[in-house]
N, C-alpha and C. Protein backbone atom coordinates (compact mmCIF):
# COMPACT_ATOMS: atom_id res chain seq x y z
N UNK A 1 -42.01 -97.10 49.01
CA UNK A 1 -41.26 -98.37 48.64
C UNK A 1 -41.09 -99.17 49.82
N UNK A 2 -41.16 -100.58 49.82
CA UNK A 2 -41.21 -101.49 50.84
C UNK A 2 -39.79 -102.15 50.79
N UNK A 3 -39.17 -102.37 52.20
CA UNK A 3 -37.86 -102.99 52.23
C UNK A 3 -38.10 -104.43 52.57
N UNK A 4 -37.26 -105.17 51.82
CA UNK A 4 -37.32 -106.67 52.02
C UNK A 4 -35.85 -107.09 52.49
N UNK A 5 -35.69 -107.93 53.58
CA UNK A 5 -34.45 -108.30 53.86
C UNK A 5 -34.22 -109.54 53.05
N UNK A 6 -32.85 -109.55 52.70
CA UNK A 6 -32.33 -110.62 51.81
C UNK A 6 -31.02 -111.16 52.13
N UNK A 7 -30.89 -112.44 51.74
CA UNK A 7 -29.43 -112.98 52.08
C UNK A 7 -29.22 -113.66 50.71
N UNK A 8 -27.95 -113.36 50.21
CA UNK A 8 -27.49 -113.85 48.87
C UNK A 8 -26.33 -114.88 49.14
N UNK A 9 -26.59 -116.12 48.90
CA UNK A 9 -25.50 -117.13 48.82
C UNK A 9 -25.07 -117.69 47.63
N UNK A 10 -25.29 -116.83 46.69
CA UNK A 10 -24.69 -117.03 45.34
C UNK A 10 -23.76 -116.00 44.82
N UNK A 11 -23.07 -116.19 43.69
CA UNK A 11 -22.14 -115.11 43.20
C UNK A 11 -22.96 -114.19 42.21
N UNK A 12 -24.23 -114.50 42.04
CA UNK A 12 -25.00 -113.76 41.16
C UNK A 12 -25.45 -112.40 41.73
N UNK A 13 -26.04 -111.40 41.05
CA UNK A 13 -26.29 -110.06 41.52
C UNK A 13 -27.61 -110.45 42.29
N UNK A 14 -27.99 -109.40 43.26
CA UNK A 14 -29.27 -109.38 43.88
C UNK A 14 -30.16 -109.41 42.85
N UNK A 15 -31.50 -109.72 43.09
CA UNK A 15 -32.62 -109.56 42.17
C UNK A 15 -32.81 -108.06 41.84
N UNK A 16 -33.13 -107.73 40.58
CA UNK A 16 -33.03 -106.41 40.34
C UNK A 16 -34.09 -106.18 39.16
N UNK A 17 -34.70 -104.98 39.15
CA UNK A 17 -35.56 -104.71 37.98
C UNK A 17 -34.85 -104.17 36.82
N UNK A 18 -35.31 -104.84 35.66
CA UNK A 18 -34.44 -104.55 34.34
C UNK A 18 -34.80 -103.16 33.86
N UNK A 19 -35.99 -102.66 34.13
CA UNK A 19 -36.34 -101.24 33.72
C UNK A 19 -37.00 -100.66 34.81
N UNK A 20 -37.06 -99.29 34.72
CA UNK A 20 -37.60 -98.55 35.88
C UNK A 20 -39.13 -98.82 36.27
N UNK A 21 -39.77 -99.33 35.18
CA UNK A 21 -41.13 -99.51 35.46
C UNK A 21 -41.52 -101.12 35.51
N UNK A 22 -40.44 -102.00 35.56
CA UNK A 22 -40.69 -103.31 35.70
C UNK A 22 -41.51 -103.86 36.88
N UNK A 23 -42.32 -104.73 36.92
CA UNK A 23 -43.09 -105.14 38.17
C UNK A 23 -42.40 -106.20 38.87
N UNK A 24 -41.46 -107.13 38.09
CA UNK A 24 -40.75 -108.32 38.67
C UNK A 24 -39.26 -108.04 38.50
N UNK A 25 -38.62 -108.63 39.57
CA UNK A 25 -37.17 -108.67 39.39
C UNK A 25 -36.62 -110.11 38.85
N UNK A 26 -35.60 -110.06 38.20
CA UNK A 26 -34.94 -111.33 37.76
C UNK A 26 -34.30 -112.25 38.82
N UNK A 27 -34.54 -113.46 38.70
CA UNK A 27 -33.86 -114.39 39.47
C UNK A 27 -32.91 -115.18 38.80
N UNK A 28 -31.78 -115.59 39.47
CA UNK A 28 -30.71 -116.34 38.60
C UNK A 28 -30.49 -117.66 39.11
N UNK A 29 -30.05 -118.60 38.21
CA UNK A 29 -29.86 -119.80 38.48
C UNK A 29 -28.63 -119.99 39.37
N UNK A 30 -28.48 -120.82 40.38
CA UNK A 30 -27.38 -120.93 41.21
C UNK A 30 -26.92 -122.42 41.25
N UNK A 31 -27.29 -123.07 40.13
CA UNK A 31 -26.88 -124.67 40.24
C UNK A 31 -25.46 -124.95 39.89
N UNK A 32 -24.90 -125.78 40.66
CA UNK A 32 -23.27 -125.95 40.52
C UNK A 32 -22.93 -126.60 39.21
N UNK A 33 -23.75 -127.48 38.63
CA UNK A 33 -23.45 -128.08 37.31
C UNK A 33 -24.49 -127.78 36.45
N UNK A 34 -24.47 -127.58 34.93
CA UNK A 34 -25.47 -127.41 34.14
C UNK A 34 -26.50 -128.61 34.26
N UNK A 35 -27.84 -128.15 34.10
CA UNK A 35 -28.87 -129.05 34.31
C UNK A 35 -29.52 -129.01 32.87
N UNK A 36 -29.77 -130.22 32.30
CA UNK A 36 -30.26 -130.48 30.89
C UNK A 36 -31.69 -130.75 31.27
N UNK A 37 -32.76 -130.04 30.62
CA UNK A 37 -34.16 -130.33 30.71
C UNK A 37 -34.48 -130.86 29.33
N UNK A 38 -34.92 -132.00 29.18
CA UNK A 38 -35.41 -132.64 28.21
C UNK A 38 -36.82 -132.14 27.87
N UNK A 39 -37.44 -132.36 26.65
CA UNK A 39 -38.81 -132.09 26.53
C UNK A 39 -39.68 -132.77 27.60
N UNK A 40 -40.35 -131.93 28.20
CA UNK A 40 -41.38 -132.19 29.46
C UNK A 40 -40.81 -132.61 30.86
N UNK A 41 -39.36 -132.52 30.83
CA UNK A 41 -38.85 -132.81 31.93
C UNK A 41 -38.96 -131.34 32.99
N UNK A 42 -38.93 -131.76 34.29
CA UNK A 42 -38.90 -130.58 35.26
C UNK A 42 -37.74 -130.75 36.22
N UNK A 43 -37.21 -129.71 36.62
CA UNK A 43 -36.11 -129.64 37.63
C UNK A 43 -36.29 -128.43 38.54
N UNK A 44 -35.82 -128.67 39.73
CA UNK A 44 -35.76 -127.75 40.76
C UNK A 44 -34.36 -126.84 40.81
N UNK A 45 -34.50 -125.67 40.48
CA UNK A 45 -33.12 -124.97 40.27
C UNK A 45 -32.92 -124.06 41.46
N UNK A 46 -31.78 -124.04 42.32
CA UNK A 46 -31.66 -123.12 43.36
C UNK A 46 -31.09 -121.71 42.94
N UNK A 47 -31.52 -120.82 43.78
CA UNK A 47 -31.24 -119.43 43.35
C UNK A 47 -30.04 -118.88 44.31
N UNK A 48 -29.95 -119.45 45.51
CA UNK A 48 -29.13 -118.96 46.65
C UNK A 48 -29.69 -117.76 47.29
N UNK A 49 -30.87 -117.43 47.08
CA UNK A 49 -31.56 -116.41 47.61
C UNK A 49 -32.50 -116.76 48.72
N UNK A 50 -32.36 -116.00 49.81
CA UNK A 50 -33.36 -116.17 51.12
C UNK A 50 -33.92 -114.81 51.32
N UNK A 51 -35.14 -114.87 51.36
CA UNK A 51 -35.82 -113.48 51.79
C UNK A 51 -36.60 -113.35 53.11
N UNK A 52 -36.92 -112.29 53.68
CA UNK A 52 -37.92 -112.13 54.80
C UNK A 52 -38.90 -110.95 54.35
N UNK A 53 -40.12 -111.51 53.90
CA UNK A 53 -41.02 -110.57 53.56
C UNK A 53 -41.85 -109.90 54.71
N UNK A 54 -42.12 -108.70 54.54
CA UNK A 54 -43.02 -108.15 55.64
C UNK A 54 -44.38 -108.87 55.71
N UNK A 55 -45.04 -109.00 56.95
CA UNK A 55 -46.38 -109.56 57.00
C UNK A 55 -47.36 -108.82 56.11
N UNK A 56 -48.20 -109.50 55.34
CA UNK A 56 -49.06 -108.91 54.40
C UNK A 56 -48.61 -108.80 53.00
N UNK A 57 -47.29 -109.51 52.88
CA UNK A 57 -46.71 -109.33 51.52
C UNK A 57 -46.54 -110.74 51.06
N UNK A 58 -46.37 -111.14 49.81
CA UNK A 58 -46.11 -112.52 49.34
C UNK A 58 -45.30 -112.13 48.05
N UNK A 59 -44.44 -113.15 47.80
CA UNK A 59 -43.58 -113.13 46.43
C UNK A 59 -44.24 -114.01 45.46
N UNK A 60 -44.39 -113.63 44.39
CA UNK A 60 -45.04 -114.43 43.21
C UNK A 60 -43.91 -114.76 42.18
N UNK A 61 -43.59 -116.01 41.98
CA UNK A 61 -42.62 -116.47 41.14
C UNK A 61 -43.28 -116.64 39.63
N UNK A 62 -42.80 -116.19 38.63
CA UNK A 62 -43.42 -116.30 37.40
C UNK A 62 -42.48 -116.55 36.27
N UNK A 63 -42.86 -117.27 35.22
CA UNK A 63 -41.92 -117.52 34.02
C UNK A 63 -41.41 -116.27 33.43
N UNK A 64 -40.31 -116.34 32.71
CA UNK A 64 -39.72 -115.21 31.97
C UNK A 64 -40.18 -115.42 30.58
N UNK A 65 -40.83 -114.27 30.06
CA UNK A 65 -41.32 -114.39 28.70
C UNK A 65 -40.55 -114.93 27.53
N UNK A 66 -39.25 -114.37 27.57
CA UNK A 66 -38.19 -114.72 26.53
C UNK A 66 -38.02 -116.24 26.58
N UNK A 67 -37.75 -116.83 27.77
CA UNK A 67 -37.51 -118.27 27.78
C UNK A 67 -38.67 -118.97 27.36
N UNK A 68 -39.89 -118.38 27.67
CA UNK A 68 -40.95 -119.18 27.22
C UNK A 68 -41.21 -119.22 25.70
N UNK A 69 -41.01 -118.01 25.05
CA UNK A 69 -41.23 -117.98 23.70
C UNK A 69 -40.21 -118.60 22.89
N UNK A 70 -38.97 -118.43 23.30
CA UNK A 70 -37.81 -118.90 22.60
C UNK A 70 -37.50 -120.49 22.85
N UNK A 71 -37.73 -121.00 24.08
CA UNK A 71 -37.35 -122.51 24.36
C UNK A 71 -38.56 -123.34 25.04
N UNK A 72 -39.58 -122.72 25.27
CA UNK A 72 -40.96 -123.21 25.88
C UNK A 72 -40.70 -123.45 27.41
N UNK A 73 -39.84 -122.76 28.06
CA UNK A 73 -39.43 -122.94 29.44
C UNK A 73 -40.55 -122.21 30.31
N UNK A 74 -41.11 -122.80 31.22
CA UNK A 74 -41.97 -122.18 32.08
C UNK A 74 -42.00 -122.87 33.41
N UNK A 75 -42.98 -122.51 34.34
CA UNK A 75 -43.12 -122.99 35.62
C UNK A 75 -44.48 -123.71 35.81
N UNK A 76 -44.31 -125.07 36.22
CA UNK A 76 -45.68 -125.92 36.24
C UNK A 76 -46.52 -125.32 37.31
N UNK A 77 -45.95 -124.49 38.30
CA UNK A 77 -46.92 -124.07 39.42
C UNK A 77 -47.26 -122.64 39.44
N UNK A 78 -47.23 -122.06 38.09
CA UNK A 78 -47.01 -120.63 38.00
C UNK A 78 -48.40 -119.93 38.35
N UNK A 79 -48.55 -118.77 39.14
CA UNK A 79 -47.38 -118.35 39.72
C UNK A 79 -47.17 -119.04 41.17
N UNK A 80 -45.92 -119.31 41.35
CA UNK A 80 -45.52 -119.91 42.67
C UNK A 80 -45.61 -118.85 43.78
N UNK A 81 -46.01 -119.20 44.89
CA UNK A 81 -46.17 -118.20 46.01
C UNK A 81 -45.15 -118.50 47.29
N UNK A 82 -44.59 -117.34 47.56
CA UNK A 82 -43.70 -117.29 48.77
C UNK A 82 -44.36 -116.65 49.97
N UNK A 83 -44.53 -117.20 51.03
CA UNK A 83 -45.38 -116.70 52.10
C UNK A 83 -44.34 -116.01 52.83
N UNK A 84 -44.90 -114.92 53.72
CA UNK A 84 -44.03 -114.12 54.52
C UNK A 84 -43.28 -114.82 55.76
N UNK A 85 -43.77 -116.17 55.89
CA UNK A 85 -43.18 -116.74 56.96
C UNK A 85 -42.21 -117.82 56.56
N UNK A 86 -42.05 -117.82 55.28
CA UNK A 86 -41.00 -118.77 54.69
C UNK A 86 -39.58 -118.13 54.72
N UNK A 87 -38.47 -118.97 55.18
CA UNK A 87 -37.19 -118.48 55.39
C UNK A 87 -36.16 -119.38 54.62
N UNK A 88 -36.78 -120.34 53.89
CA UNK A 88 -35.78 -121.19 53.03
C UNK A 88 -35.32 -120.52 51.80
N UNK A 89 -34.39 -121.19 51.10
CA UNK A 89 -33.94 -120.75 49.79
C UNK A 89 -35.00 -120.68 48.74
N UNK A 90 -35.01 -119.80 47.97
CA UNK A 90 -35.91 -119.77 46.91
C UNK A 90 -35.37 -120.68 45.73
N UNK A 91 -36.32 -121.77 45.45
CA UNK A 91 -35.80 -122.59 44.38
C UNK A 91 -36.96 -122.24 43.38
N UNK A 92 -36.55 -122.56 42.11
CA UNK A 92 -37.39 -122.37 40.93
C UNK A 92 -37.74 -123.74 40.23
N UNK A 93 -38.94 -124.21 40.21
CA UNK A 93 -39.43 -125.44 39.41
C UNK A 93 -39.66 -124.99 37.97
N UNK A 94 -38.69 -125.42 37.24
CA UNK A 94 -38.77 -125.22 35.82
C UNK A 94 -39.33 -126.37 35.08
N UNK A 95 -40.13 -126.27 33.96
CA UNK A 95 -40.46 -127.28 33.14
C UNK A 95 -40.09 -126.97 31.56
N UNK A 96 -39.59 -128.04 30.77
CA UNK A 96 -39.40 -127.59 29.29
C UNK A 96 -40.68 -128.12 28.61
N UNK A 97 -41.48 -127.10 28.08
CA UNK A 97 -42.57 -127.46 27.32
C UNK A 97 -42.26 -127.44 25.76
N UNK A 98 -40.99 -127.16 25.66
CA UNK A 98 -40.53 -127.12 24.24
C UNK A 98 -40.20 -128.54 23.54
N UNK A 99 -39.79 -128.58 22.38
CA UNK A 99 -39.47 -129.95 21.86
C UNK A 99 -37.95 -130.18 21.98
N UNK A 100 -37.15 -129.34 22.12
CA UNK A 100 -35.76 -129.49 22.16
C UNK A 100 -35.15 -129.37 23.60
N UNK A 101 -34.04 -130.07 23.85
CA UNK A 101 -33.56 -129.88 25.19
C UNK A 101 -33.04 -128.51 25.73
N UNK A 102 -33.22 -128.15 26.82
CA UNK A 102 -32.64 -126.77 27.34
C UNK A 102 -31.76 -126.99 28.37
N UNK A 103 -30.55 -126.29 28.40
CA UNK A 103 -29.71 -126.44 29.45
C UNK A 103 -29.74 -125.16 30.26
N UNK A 104 -29.92 -125.49 31.69
CA UNK A 104 -29.91 -124.28 32.58
C UNK A 104 -28.53 -124.11 33.10
N UNK A 105 -27.88 -123.04 32.89
CA UNK A 105 -26.47 -122.80 33.35
C UNK A 105 -26.35 -121.64 34.55
N UNK A 106 -25.44 -121.89 35.44
CA UNK A 106 -25.32 -120.91 36.54
C UNK A 106 -25.34 -119.65 36.14
N UNK A 107 -25.94 -118.73 36.71
CA UNK A 107 -26.08 -117.44 36.47
C UNK A 107 -27.10 -116.94 35.41
N UNK A 108 -27.77 -117.86 34.89
CA UNK A 108 -28.86 -117.48 33.89
C UNK A 108 -30.08 -117.04 34.64
N UNK A 109 -30.64 -115.97 34.03
CA UNK A 109 -32.06 -115.43 34.40
C UNK A 109 -32.99 -116.47 34.15
N UNK A 110 -33.61 -117.06 35.17
CA UNK A 110 -34.56 -118.22 34.87
C UNK A 110 -36.06 -117.83 35.20
N UNK A 111 -36.31 -116.89 36.10
CA UNK A 111 -37.71 -116.55 36.64
C UNK A 111 -37.77 -115.03 36.88
N UNK A 112 -39.01 -114.57 37.24
CA UNK A 112 -39.09 -113.37 37.74
C UNK A 112 -39.92 -113.43 38.94
N UNK A 113 -39.64 -112.48 39.89
CA UNK A 113 -40.39 -112.42 41.11
C UNK A 113 -41.06 -111.07 41.28
N UNK A 114 -42.30 -111.20 41.65
CA UNK A 114 -43.23 -109.86 41.91
C UNK A 114 -43.56 -110.05 43.41
N UNK A 115 -43.23 -108.89 44.14
CA UNK A 115 -43.61 -108.60 45.51
C UNK A 115 -45.03 -108.01 45.46
N UNK A 116 -45.89 -108.64 46.26
CA UNK A 116 -47.24 -107.88 46.18
C UNK A 116 -47.97 -108.06 47.56
N UNK A 117 -48.67 -106.92 47.92
CA UNK A 117 -49.41 -107.04 49.09
C UNK A 117 -50.67 -107.88 48.85
N UNK A 118 -51.07 -108.45 50.06
CA UNK A 118 -52.35 -109.35 50.08
C UNK A 118 -53.25 -109.05 51.29
N UNK A 119 -54.41 -109.43 51.19
CA UNK A 119 -55.31 -109.29 52.35
C UNK A 119 -55.42 -110.76 53.03
N UNK A 120 -55.69 -110.66 54.27
CA UNK A 120 -55.97 -112.01 55.03
C UNK A 120 -57.48 -111.73 55.38
N UNK A 121 -58.31 -112.76 55.03
CA UNK A 121 -59.77 -112.54 55.21
C UNK A 121 -60.20 -113.35 56.41
N UNK A 122 -61.41 -112.97 56.77
CA UNK A 122 -62.16 -113.66 57.86
C UNK A 122 -63.47 -114.21 57.07
N UNK A 123 -63.71 -115.49 57.22
CA UNK A 123 -64.81 -115.99 56.38
C UNK A 123 -66.10 -115.79 57.22
N UNK A 124 -67.04 -115.58 56.54
CA UNK A 124 -68.56 -115.38 57.01
C UNK A 124 -69.37 -116.33 56.44
N UNK A 125 -69.57 -117.33 57.20
CA UNK A 125 -70.39 -118.52 56.43
C UNK A 125 -71.94 -118.03 56.44
N UNK A 126 -72.49 -118.21 55.33
CA UNK A 126 -73.90 -117.88 54.92
C UNK A 126 -74.56 -118.81 54.17
N UNK A 127 -75.84 -118.75 54.07
CA UNK A 127 -76.58 -119.81 53.32
C UNK A 127 -76.86 -119.49 51.88
N UNK A 128 -76.75 -118.20 51.56
CA UNK A 128 -76.86 -117.90 50.01
C UNK A 128 -75.95 -116.54 49.84
N UNK A 129 -75.60 -116.31 48.51
CA UNK A 129 -74.84 -115.27 48.13
C UNK A 129 -75.82 -114.25 47.35
N UNK A 130 -75.39 -113.02 47.25
CA UNK A 130 -76.27 -112.09 46.33
C UNK A 130 -76.15 -112.47 44.86
N UNK A 131 -77.23 -111.97 44.31
CA UNK A 131 -77.43 -112.35 42.84
C UNK A 131 -76.66 -111.22 41.94
N UNK A 132 -76.15 -111.57 41.00
CA UNK A 132 -75.47 -110.81 40.08
C UNK A 132 -76.03 -111.09 38.51
N UNK A 133 -75.65 -110.28 37.60
CA UNK A 133 -75.98 -110.58 36.23
C UNK A 133 -75.31 -111.97 35.75
N UNK A 134 -74.07 -112.06 36.00
CA UNK A 134 -73.27 -113.05 35.74
C UNK A 134 -73.59 -114.34 36.46
N UNK A 135 -74.13 -114.28 37.65
CA UNK A 135 -74.41 -115.46 38.38
C UNK A 135 -73.17 -116.59 38.41
N UNK A 136 -73.52 -117.95 38.01
CA UNK A 136 -72.60 -118.77 38.15
C UNK A 136 -71.86 -119.06 36.83
N UNK A 137 -71.99 -118.19 35.84
CA UNK A 137 -71.40 -118.36 34.56
C UNK A 137 -69.73 -118.06 34.66
N UNK A 138 -69.02 -119.17 34.14
CA UNK A 138 -67.75 -119.03 34.13
C UNK A 138 -67.29 -119.88 32.78
N UNK A 139 -65.83 -119.95 32.79
CA UNK A 139 -65.37 -120.67 31.73
C UNK A 139 -65.93 -120.50 30.49
N UNK A 140 -65.66 -119.27 29.64
CA UNK A 140 -66.37 -119.09 28.29
C UNK A 140 -67.81 -118.70 28.18
N UNK A 141 -68.26 -118.20 29.29
CA UNK A 141 -69.79 -118.08 29.41
C UNK A 141 -70.09 -116.75 28.56
N UNK A 142 -69.10 -115.74 28.10
CA UNK A 142 -69.38 -114.71 27.51
C UNK A 142 -69.02 -114.86 25.97
N UNK A 143 -68.74 -116.06 25.59
CA UNK A 143 -68.50 -116.33 24.09
C UNK A 143 -66.98 -116.66 23.88
N UNK A 144 -66.75 -116.47 22.51
CA UNK A 144 -65.44 -116.96 22.15
C UNK A 144 -64.41 -115.82 22.45
């Protein structure tokens, strides 16, 4: 298990896993007043959470499936990435892809955060890449 330092400037609980095998922790809205998202509106919602990730880790911010299916609420930059050297407040950029207005209230679970290891690479510039059966096939090359 990896330890992540956290500061909570909200009255919400610390991010937590909903079940023993959950990959992501829930993040809660910390907006002072309700925020109404009309259809196709976007808003930055504060969480009051600040974290210090170990080097070699990132935090991925993802939509909550319940908000997506019930209300069309998503994240336009999904997954959002928080780098290990970021020390600011975690804010969640929400978008209403639904047809009806949606109100974000303080304390509501608005996103999930997955902490993941990542590699840092060193680029080796070459003049050609090795051949594969797939080659340059992408975007639907294997059929419907």
